[in-house]
Amino acid sequence: MDFYGDPVPVAMIESGDILVPLRSLTAFLGLDYSAQNRRVSRSEVMADSVHPGMMRSEDGSMRAQLCLPLDMLPGWLMGLDTNRIKPELKEKLLRYQREAFKVLWNAFKGDIMPTVQQPTDLTPAEQILAQAEAIAKLARQQVDFERGLAEAQGKHQTMAE
């Protein structure tokens, strides 16, 4: 897989997950592999998701490597501190992190932002309908939030008694 000019090796496992070796990622970004291995191990989310994977190394031999699922890569990237890497690699990491934020936003924006057609494409009645649907969606979210809050408060009161 090519990521902004860096050849990132990947492997697909039986489940269909795509794995990326942590060692390659740390090498591209000039990070200490041991420190990143410890960081991944400390993260409950990432530690549960890592896989030992057989990957071809630069010398052509197959070696066992700690691998992150590709879908964990944005989270791993966002946790990196740009002030703790070599200055000449800072812009590369920032570029990776910006891309990770875009991926995350694109994954959730449909749940957050109501989809509305451009007003120029809609008749007046369609515009009113689109606004009403957006308001109804926001109202449903508010009702769900208030129910969750009331339930949490009820549990808190029961525990206090």
N, C-alpha and C. Protein backbone atom coordinates (compact mmCIF):
# COMPACT_ATOMS: atom_id res chain seq x y z
N MET A 1 0.86 -1.16 0.00
CA MET A 1 0.00 0.00 0.00
C MET A 1 0.90 1.23 0.00
N ASP A 2 0.57 2.19 -0.82
CA ASP A 2 1.34 3.43 -0.87
C ASP A 2 0.57 4.50 -0.10
N PHE A 3 1.25 5.12 0.87
CA PHE A 3 0.63 6.19 1.64
C PHE A 3 1.52 7.41 1.54
N TYR A 4 1.11 8.34 0.68
CA TYR A 4 1.89 9.57 0.44
C TYR A 4 3.35 9.27 0.11
N GLY A 5 3.56 8.27 -0.74
CA GLY A 5 4.90 7.95 -1.18
C GLY A 5 5.65 6.96 -0.32
N ASP A 6 5.12 6.63 0.84
CA ASP A 6 5.75 5.62 1.69
C ASP A 6 5.13 4.26 1.37
N PRO A 7 5.97 3.29 1.00
CA PRO A 7 5.44 1.95 0.72
C PRO A 7 5.16 1.23 2.04
N VAL A 8 3.91 1.18 2.45
CA VAL A 8 3.53 0.56 3.71
C VAL A 8 3.13 -0.89 3.41
N PRO A 9 3.86 -1.86 3.96
CA PRO A 9 3.48 -3.25 3.72
C PRO A 9 2.20 -3.59 4.48
N VAL A 10 1.37 -4.40 3.88
CA VAL A 10 0.13 -4.83 4.52
C VAL A 10 -0.07 -6.32 4.26
N ALA A 11 -0.89 -6.93 5.08
CA ALA A 11 -1.25 -8.34 4.89
C ALA A 11 -2.73 -8.48 5.23
N MET A 12 -3.41 -9.33 4.48
CA MET A 12 -4.82 -9.60 4.77
C MET A 12 -4.90 -10.96 5.45
N ILE A 13 -5.65 -11.02 6.56
CA ILE A 13 -5.82 -12.27 7.27
C ILE A 13 -7.16 -12.90 6.91
N GLU A 14 -7.40 -14.11 7.39
CA GLU A 14 -8.59 -14.87 7.01
C GLU A 14 -9.90 -14.11 7.26
N SER A 15 -9.94 -13.30 8.32
CA SER A 15 -11.16 -12.55 8.63
C SER A 15 -11.43 -11.43 7.64
N GLY A 16 -10.43 -11.12 6.82
CA GLY A 16 -10.56 -10.02 5.87
C GLY A 16 -9.93 -8.74 6.38
N ASP A 17 -9.49 -8.73 7.66
CA ASP A 17 -8.82 -7.55 8.20
C ASP A 17 -7.48 -7.35 7.51
N ILE A 18 -7.12 -6.11 7.33
CA ILE A 18 -5.82 -5.77 6.75
C ILE A 18 -4.92 -5.33 7.89
N LEU A 19 -3.73 -5.93 7.95
CA LEU A 19 -2.78 -5.64 9.02
C LEU A 19 -1.61 -4.83 8.50
N VAL A 20 -1.12 -3.94 9.36
CA VAL A 20 0.03 -3.09 9.04
C VAL A 20 1.07 -3.30 10.14
N PRO A 21 2.32 -3.66 9.77
CA PRO A 21 3.33 -3.89 10.79
C PRO A 21 3.76 -2.59 11.49
N LEU A 22 3.74 -2.64 12.80
CA LEU A 22 4.10 -1.46 13.60
C LEU A 22 5.54 -1.02 13.32
N ARG A 23 6.44 -1.97 13.13
CA ARG A 23 7.84 -1.62 12.90
C ARG A 23 8.00 -0.75 11.65
N SER A 24 7.28 -1.07 10.58
CA SER A 24 7.37 -0.25 9.36
C SER A 24 6.84 1.15 9.59
N LEU A 25 5.74 1.25 10.31
CA LEU A 25 5.17 2.57 10.59
C LEU A 25 6.14 3.43 11.38
N THR A 26 6.76 2.82 12.41
CA THR A 26 7.69 3.60 13.23
C THR A 26 8.92 4.00 12.42
N ALA A 27 9.35 3.13 11.51
CA ALA A 27 10.52 3.46 10.68
C ALA A 27 10.23 4.65 9.77
N PHE A 28 9.04 4.68 9.14
CA PHE A 28 8.69 5.78 8.24
C PHE A 28 8.65 7.11 8.97
N LEU A 29 8.28 7.07 10.23
CA LEU A 29 8.11 8.31 11.00
C LEU A 29 9.27 8.59 11.94
N GLY A 30 10.30 7.77 11.90
CA GLY A 30 11.47 8.00 12.75
C GLY A 30 11.17 7.85 14.23
N LEU A 31 10.24 6.96 14.58
CA LEU A 31 9.85 6.75 15.97
C LEU A 31 10.58 5.54 16.54
N ASP A 32 10.70 5.51 17.85
CA ASP A 32 11.30 4.38 18.53
C ASP A 32 10.29 3.23 18.58
N TYR A 33 10.63 2.10 17.96
CA TYR A 33 9.71 0.97 17.89
C TYR A 33 9.35 0.46 19.28
N SER A 34 10.31 0.33 20.16
CA SER A 34 10.05 -0.20 21.50
C SER A 34 9.07 0.69 22.26
N ALA A 35 9.25 1.99 22.15
CA ALA A 35 8.35 2.92 22.84
C ALA A 35 6.93 2.81 22.27
N GLN A 36 6.80 2.67 20.95
CA GLN A 36 5.48 2.55 20.34
C GLN A 36 4.83 1.21 20.66
N ASN A 37 5.65 0.18 20.76
CA ASN A 37 5.14 -1.14 21.14
C ASN A 37 4.55 -1.06 22.55
N ARG A 38 5.26 -0.39 23.46
CA ARG A 38 4.75 -0.22 24.83
C ARG A 38 3.47 0.62 24.83
N ARG A 39 3.45 1.66 24.02
CA ARG A 39 2.27 2.54 23.94
C ARG A 39 1.06 1.75 23.46
N VAL A 40 1.24 0.94 22.44
CA VAL A 40 0.14 0.12 21.93
C VAL A 40 -0.32 -0.86 23.00
N SER A 41 0.62 -1.45 23.73
CA SER A 41 0.28 -2.42 24.77
C SER A 41 -0.49 -1.78 25.93
N ARG A 42 -0.23 -0.50 26.20
CA ARG A 42 -0.93 0.21 27.28
C ARG A 42 -2.36 0.60 26.89
N SER A 43 -2.64 0.70 25.61
CA SER A 43 -3.96 1.11 25.14
C SER A 43 -4.88 -0.10 25.13
N GLU A 44 -5.96 -0.03 25.91
CA GLU A 44 -6.90 -1.16 25.94
C GLU A 44 -7.48 -1.45 24.56
N VAL A 45 -7.77 -0.41 23.81
CA VAL A 45 -8.36 -0.61 22.49
C VAL A 45 -7.35 -1.22 21.53
N MET A 46 -6.16 -0.63 21.45
CA MET A 46 -5.18 -1.15 20.50
C MET A 46 -4.63 -2.50 20.94
N ALA A 47 -4.39 -2.69 22.23
CA ALA A 47 -3.81 -3.95 22.72
C ALA A 47 -4.72 -5.13 22.38
N ASP A 48 -6.03 -4.92 22.44
CA ASP A 48 -6.96 -5.99 22.11
C ASP A 48 -7.01 -6.29 20.62
N SER A 49 -6.47 -5.39 19.80
CA SER A 49 -6.60 -5.51 18.35
C SER A 49 -5.33 -5.92 17.63
N VAL A 50 -4.18 -5.87 18.31
CA VAL A 50 -2.93 -6.19 17.62
C VAL A 50 -2.87 -7.68 17.30
N HIS A 51 -2.12 -7.98 16.25
CA HIS A 51 -1.95 -9.36 15.80
C HIS A 51 -0.46 -9.62 15.55
N PRO A 52 -0.01 -10.81 15.86
CA PRO A 52 1.32 -11.17 15.35
C PRO A 52 1.11 -11.55 13.89
N GLY A 53 1.90 -11.03 13.04
CA GLY A 53 1.74 -11.32 11.62
C GLY A 53 3.07 -11.66 10.99
N MET A 54 3.04 -12.55 10.03
CA MET A 54 4.24 -12.89 9.27
C MET A 54 4.30 -11.92 8.09
N MET A 55 5.36 -11.12 8.09
CA MET A 55 5.51 -10.12 7.04
C MET A 55 6.90 -10.25 6.43
N ARG A 56 7.00 -9.92 5.16
CA ARG A 56 8.30 -9.94 4.48
C ARG A 56 9.08 -8.71 4.90
N SER A 57 10.29 -8.93 5.38
CA SER A 57 11.14 -7.81 5.81
C SER A 57 11.90 -7.26 4.61
N GLU A 58 12.66 -6.20 4.83
CA GLU A 58 13.40 -5.55 3.75
C GLU A 58 14.41 -6.48 3.10
N ASP A 59 14.94 -7.44 3.86
CA ASP A 59 15.92 -8.37 3.28
C ASP A 59 15.25 -9.55 2.57
N GLY A 60 13.91 -9.56 2.52
CA GLY A 60 13.18 -10.58 1.79
C GLY A 60 12.74 -11.77 2.62
N SER A 61 13.20 -11.88 3.85
CA SER A 61 12.82 -13.02 4.69
C SER A 61 11.50 -12.73 5.39
N MET A 62 10.80 -13.81 5.76
CA MET A 62 9.53 -13.69 6.47
C MET A 62 9.83 -13.64 7.97
N ARG A 63 9.24 -12.66 8.64
CA ARG A 63 9.47 -12.48 10.07
C ARG A 63 8.15 -12.18 10.77
N ALA A 64 8.05 -12.66 12.00
CA ALA A 64 6.87 -12.33 12.82
C ALA A 64 6.99 -10.88 13.25
N GLN A 65 5.91 -10.14 13.08
CA GLN A 65 5.91 -8.74 13.46
C GLN A 65 4.58 -8.41 14.13
N LEU A 66 4.63 -7.48 15.06
CA LEU A 66 3.43 -6.98 15.70
C LEU A 66 2.71 -6.08 14.69
N CYS A 67 1.44 -6.37 14.44
CA CYS A 67 0.70 -5.63 13.43
C CYS A 67 -0.57 -5.02 14.01
N LEU A 68 -0.88 -3.84 13.52
CA LEU A 68 -2.14 -3.16 13.85
C LEU A 68 -3.11 -3.37 12.70
N PRO A 69 -4.39 -3.59 13.01
CA PRO A 69 -5.37 -3.60 11.93
C PRO A 69 -5.40 -2.21 11.29
N LEU A 70 -5.61 -2.18 10.00
CA LEU A 70 -5.60 -0.92 9.27
C LEU A 70 -6.60 0.08 9.84
N ASP A 71 -7.75 -0.41 10.34
CA ASP A 71 -8.74 0.51 10.88
C ASP A 71 -8.30 1.15 12.21
N MET A 72 -7.24 0.64 12.83
CA MET A 72 -6.70 1.23 14.06
C MET A 72 -5.66 2.32 13.75
N LEU A 73 -5.21 2.35 12.53
CA LEU A 73 -4.14 3.28 12.15
C LEU A 73 -4.48 4.74 12.42
N PRO A 74 -5.69 5.23 12.08
CA PRO A 74 -5.98 6.65 12.38
C PRO A 74 -5.86 6.97 13.87
N GLY A 75 -6.36 6.09 14.73
CA GLY A 75 -6.27 6.33 16.17
C GLY A 75 -4.84 6.33 16.66
N TRP A 76 -4.04 5.40 16.15
CA TRP A 76 -2.63 5.34 16.53
C TRP A 76 -1.92 6.63 16.10
N LEU A 77 -2.18 7.07 14.88
CA LEU A 77 -1.54 8.28 14.36
C LEU A 77 -1.91 9.51 15.17
N MET A 78 -3.19 9.61 15.57
CA MET A 78 -3.63 10.80 16.30
C MET A 78 -3.02 10.87 17.70
N GLY A 79 -2.57 9.74 18.21
CA GLY A 79 -1.97 9.73 19.54
C GLY A 79 -0.49 10.08 19.55
N LEU A 80 0.09 10.31 18.39
CA LEU A 80 1.52 10.64 18.32
C LEU A 80 1.73 12.13 18.57
N ASP A 81 2.75 12.45 19.32
CA ASP A 81 3.09 13.83 19.65
C ASP A 81 4.11 14.35 18.66
N THR A 82 3.74 15.33 17.86
CA THR A 82 4.64 15.86 16.83
C THR A 82 5.86 16.55 17.43
N ASN A 83 5.81 16.90 18.71
CA ASN A 83 6.96 17.54 19.34
C ASN A 83 7.99 16.53 19.83
N ARG A 84 7.69 15.24 19.69
CA ARG A 84 8.61 14.21 20.19
C ARG A 84 9.24 13.41 19.06
N ILE A 85 9.17 13.94 17.83
CA ILE A 85 9.79 13.25 16.72
C ILE A 85 10.86 14.15 16.10
N LYS A 86 11.64 13.56 15.23
CA LYS A 86 12.69 14.32 14.56
C LYS A 86 12.07 15.48 13.78
N PRO A 87 12.66 16.67 13.89
CA PRO A 87 12.07 17.84 13.21
C PRO A 87 11.86 17.65 11.72
N GLU A 88 12.75 16.92 11.06
CA GLU A 88 12.62 16.74 9.61
C GLU A 88 11.44 15.83 9.24
N LEU A 89 10.89 15.11 10.21
CA LEU A 89 9.76 14.22 9.95
C LEU A 89 8.43 14.78 10.47
N LYS A 90 8.49 15.94 11.10
CA LYS A 90 7.29 16.53 11.69
C LYS A 90 6.20 16.79 10.66
N GLU A 91 6.55 17.35 9.51
CA GLU A 91 5.55 17.66 8.49
C GLU A 91 4.89 16.39 7.95
N LYS A 92 5.67 15.32 7.84
CA LYS A 92 5.11 14.05 7.37
C LYS A 92 4.07 13.54 8.36
N LEU A 93 4.39 13.57 9.65
CA LEU A 93 3.44 13.11 10.66
C LEU A 93 2.20 14.00 10.68
N LEU A 94 2.39 15.29 10.58
CA LEU A 94 1.24 16.20 10.53
C LEU A 94 0.34 15.87 9.34
N ARG A 95 0.94 15.56 8.20
CA ARG A 95 0.17 15.20 7.02
C ARG A 95 -0.63 13.92 7.29
N TYR A 96 0.00 12.92 7.89
CA TYR A 96 -0.68 11.68 8.24
C TYR A 96 -1.83 11.97 9.21
N GLN A 97 -1.58 12.79 10.22
CA GLN A 97 -2.62 13.08 11.22
C GLN A 97 -3.79 13.84 10.59
N ARG A 98 -3.50 14.78 9.72
CA ARG A 98 -4.58 15.50 9.04
C ARG A 98 -5.46 14.54 8.26
N GLU A 99 -4.83 13.60 7.58
CA GLU A 99 -5.58 12.61 6.81
C GLU A 99 -6.41 11.73 7.75
N ALA A 100 -5.85 11.37 8.90
CA ALA A 100 -6.58 10.55 9.87
C ALA A 100 -7.81 11.30 10.39
N PHE A 101 -7.67 12.59 10.66
CA PHE A 101 -8.82 13.37 11.11
C PHE A 101 -9.91 13.42 10.03
N LYS A 102 -9.51 13.55 8.77
CA LYS A 102 -10.49 13.58 7.68
C LYS A 102 -11.22 12.25 7.59
N VAL A 103 -10.48 11.15 7.72
CA VAL A 103 -11.10 9.83 7.66
C VAL A 103 -12.11 9.68 8.78
N LEU A 104 -11.73 10.07 9.98
CA LEU A 104 -12.63 9.96 11.13
C LEU A 104 -13.87 10.83 10.93
N TRP A 105 -13.68 12.06 10.49
CA TRP A 105 -14.82 12.95 10.27
C TRP A 105 -15.75 12.38 9.21
N ASN A 106 -15.19 11.91 8.11
CA ASN A 106 -16.03 11.37 7.04
C ASN A 106 -16.81 10.14 7.50
N ALA A 107 -16.25 9.39 8.44
CA ALA A 107 -16.95 8.21 8.95
C ALA A 107 -18.17 8.58 9.78
N PHE A 108 -18.10 9.70 10.50
CA PHE A 108 -19.18 10.05 11.42
C PHE A 108 -20.04 11.22 10.98
N LYS A 109 -19.65 11.97 9.99
CA LYS A 109 -20.41 13.18 9.68
C LYS A 109 -21.85 12.89 9.26
N GLY A 110 -22.10 11.73 8.64
CA GLY A 110 -23.47 11.40 8.27
C GLY A 110 -24.37 11.21 9.47
N ASP A 111 -23.79 10.79 10.62
CA ASP A 111 -24.57 10.63 11.84
C ASP A 111 -24.80 11.96 12.55
N ILE A 112 -23.96 12.94 12.26
CA ILE A 112 -24.00 14.21 12.98
C ILE A 112 -24.71 15.30 12.16
N MET A 113 -24.36 15.38 10.91
CA MET A 113 -24.88 16.45 10.05
C MET A 113 -26.05 15.93 9.22
N PRO A 114 -27.18 16.62 9.26
CA PRO A 114 -28.28 16.18 8.40
C PRO A 114 -27.91 16.41 6.94
N THR A 115 -28.28 15.45 6.12
CA THR A 115 -28.01 15.56 4.69
C THR A 115 -29.14 16.37 4.07
N VAL A 116 -28.78 17.48 3.49
CA VAL A 116 -29.78 18.35 2.88
C VAL A 116 -29.31 18.67 1.47
N GLN A 117 -30.21 18.54 0.51
CA GLN A 117 -29.87 18.90 -0.86
C GLN A 117 -29.67 20.41 -0.94
N GLN A 118 -28.95 20.82 -1.97
CA GLN A 118 -28.74 22.25 -2.18
C GLN A 118 -30.09 22.93 -2.41
N PRO A 119 -30.33 24.08 -1.77
CA PRO A 119 -31.62 24.77 -1.91
C PRO A 119 -31.99 25.07 -3.36
N THR A 120 -31.02 25.28 -4.22
CA THR A 120 -31.34 25.60 -5.61
C THR A 120 -31.96 24.40 -6.32
N ASP A 121 -31.73 23.18 -5.81
CA ASP A 121 -32.28 21.98 -6.42
C ASP A 121 -33.67 21.65 -5.90
N LEU A 122 -34.14 22.35 -4.87
CA LEU A 122 -35.38 22.00 -4.20
C LEU A 122 -36.49 23.00 -4.48
N THR A 123 -37.69 22.46 -4.54
CA THR A 123 -38.85 23.34 -4.61
C THR A 123 -39.07 23.89 -3.20
N PRO A 124 -39.87 24.94 -3.04
CA PRO A 124 -40.13 25.45 -1.69
C PRO A 124 -40.68 24.38 -0.75
N ALA A 125 -41.56 23.54 -1.24
CA ALA A 125 -42.12 22.48 -0.39
C ALA A 125 -41.03 21.49 0.02
N GLU A 126 -40.11 21.16 -0.90
CA GLU A 126 -39.02 20.23 -0.58
C GLU A 126 -38.06 20.84 0.44
N GLN A 127 -37.85 22.16 0.35
CA GLN A 127 -37.00 22.84 1.33
C GLN A 127 -37.62 22.74 2.72
N ILE A 128 -38.91 22.96 2.83
CA ILE A 128 -39.60 22.88 4.12
C ILE A 128 -39.52 21.46 4.66
N LEU A 129 -39.72 20.48 3.79
CA LEU A 129 -39.65 19.08 4.21
C LEU A 129 -38.24 18.73 4.71
N ALA A 130 -37.22 19.17 4.00
CA ALA A 130 -35.84 18.89 4.41
C ALA A 130 -35.55 19.53 5.77
N GLN A 131 -36.01 20.76 5.98
CA GLN A 131 -35.81 21.42 7.27
C GLN A 131 -36.56 20.69 8.38
N ALA A 132 -37.78 20.27 8.10
CA ALA A 132 -38.58 19.55 9.10
C ALA A 132 -37.91 18.23 9.47
N GLU A 133 -37.37 17.52 8.48
CA GLU A 133 -36.69 16.25 8.75
C GLU A 133 -35.44 16.48 9.59
N ALA A 134 -34.71 17.55 9.30
CA ALA A 134 -33.52 17.87 10.08
C ALA A 134 -33.89 18.20 11.52
N ILE A 135 -34.95 18.97 11.70
CA ILE A 135 -35.41 19.33 13.05
C ILE A 135 -35.87 18.08 13.79
N ALA A 136 -36.59 17.19 13.09
CA ALA A 136 -37.06 15.95 13.72
C ALA A 136 -35.87 15.09 14.15
N LYS A 137 -34.83 15.03 13.34
CA LYS A 137 -33.64 14.25 13.69
C LYS A 137 -32.98 14.84 14.94
N LEU A 138 -32.84 16.15 14.99
CA LEU A 138 -32.26 16.80 16.16
C LEU A 138 -33.12 16.57 17.40
N ALA A 139 -34.44 16.61 17.23
CA ALA A 139 -35.35 16.39 18.37
C ALA A 139 -35.22 14.96 18.88
N ARG A 140 -35.12 13.98 17.97
CA ARG A 140 -34.93 12.59 18.39
C ARG A 140 -33.63 12.43 19.17
N GLN A 141 -32.57 13.07 18.69
CA GLN A 141 -31.29 13.01 19.40
C GLN A 141 -31.41 13.63 20.79
N GLN A 142 -32.12 14.74 20.91
CA GLN A 142 -32.31 15.40 22.20
C GLN A 142 -33.11 14.51 23.15
N VAL A 143 -34.18 13.89 22.65
CA VAL A 143 -34.99 12.99 23.48
C VAL A 143 -34.14 11.83 23.97
N ASP A 144 -33.37 11.22 23.09
CA ASP A 144 -32.49 10.12 23.49
C ASP A 144 -31.48 10.58 24.54
N PHE A 145 -30.93 11.76 24.35
CA PHE A 145 -29.97 12.31 25.32
C PHE A 145 -30.63 12.50 26.68
N GLU A 146 -31.83 13.11 26.69
CA GLU A 146 -32.53 13.37 27.94
C GLU A 146 -32.92 12.07 28.64
N ARG A 147 -33.34 11.06 27.89
CA ARG A 147 -33.67 9.77 28.49
C ARG A 147 -32.43 9.15 29.12
N GLY A 148 -31.32 9.21 28.42
CA GLY A 148 -30.07 8.66 28.96
C GLY A 148 -29.64 9.40 30.21
N LEU A 149 -29.81 10.71 30.21
CA LEU A 149 -29.45 11.52 31.38
C LEU A 149 -30.35 11.17 32.56
N ALA A 150 -31.66 11.06 32.32
CA ALA A 150 -32.60 10.71 33.39
C ALA A 150 -32.29 9.32 33.94
N GLU A 151 -31.95 8.39 33.07
CA GLU A 151 -31.61 7.04 33.51
C GLU A 151 -30.34 7.05 34.35
N ALA A 152 -29.36 7.81 33.93
CA ALA A 152 -28.10 7.91 34.69
C ALA A 152 -28.34 8.55 36.05
N GLN A 153 -29.19 9.58 36.08
CA GLN A 153 -29.49 10.23 37.36
C GLN A 153 -30.25 9.30 38.28
N GLY A 154 -31.16 8.50 37.72
CA GLY A 154 -31.91 7.53 38.51
C GLY A 154 -31.00 6.48 39.11
N LYS A 155 -30.03 6.01 38.37
CA LYS A 155 -29.06 5.05 38.88
C LYS A 155 -28.21 5.68 39.98
N HIS A 156 -27.86 6.95 39.76
CA HIS A 156 -27.03 7.66 40.76
C HIS A 156 -27.80 7.81 42.07
N GLN A 157 -29.11 8.15 41.99
CA GLN A 157 -29.92 8.31 43.19
C GLN A 157 -30.08 6.97 43.91
N THR A 158 -30.30 5.90 43.16
CA THR A 158 -30.46 4.58 43.77
C THR A 158 -29.19 4.17 44.51
N MET A 159 -28.04 4.45 43.94
CA MET A 159 -26.78 4.10 44.56
C MET A 159 -26.54 4.93 45.81
N ALA A 160 -27.01 6.17 45.84
CA ALA A 160 -26.79 7.07 46.97
C ALA A 160 -27.67 6.69 48.16
N GLU A 161 -28.80 6.05 47.89
CA GLU A 161 -29.77 5.72 48.96
C GLU A 161 -29.36 4.56 49.78
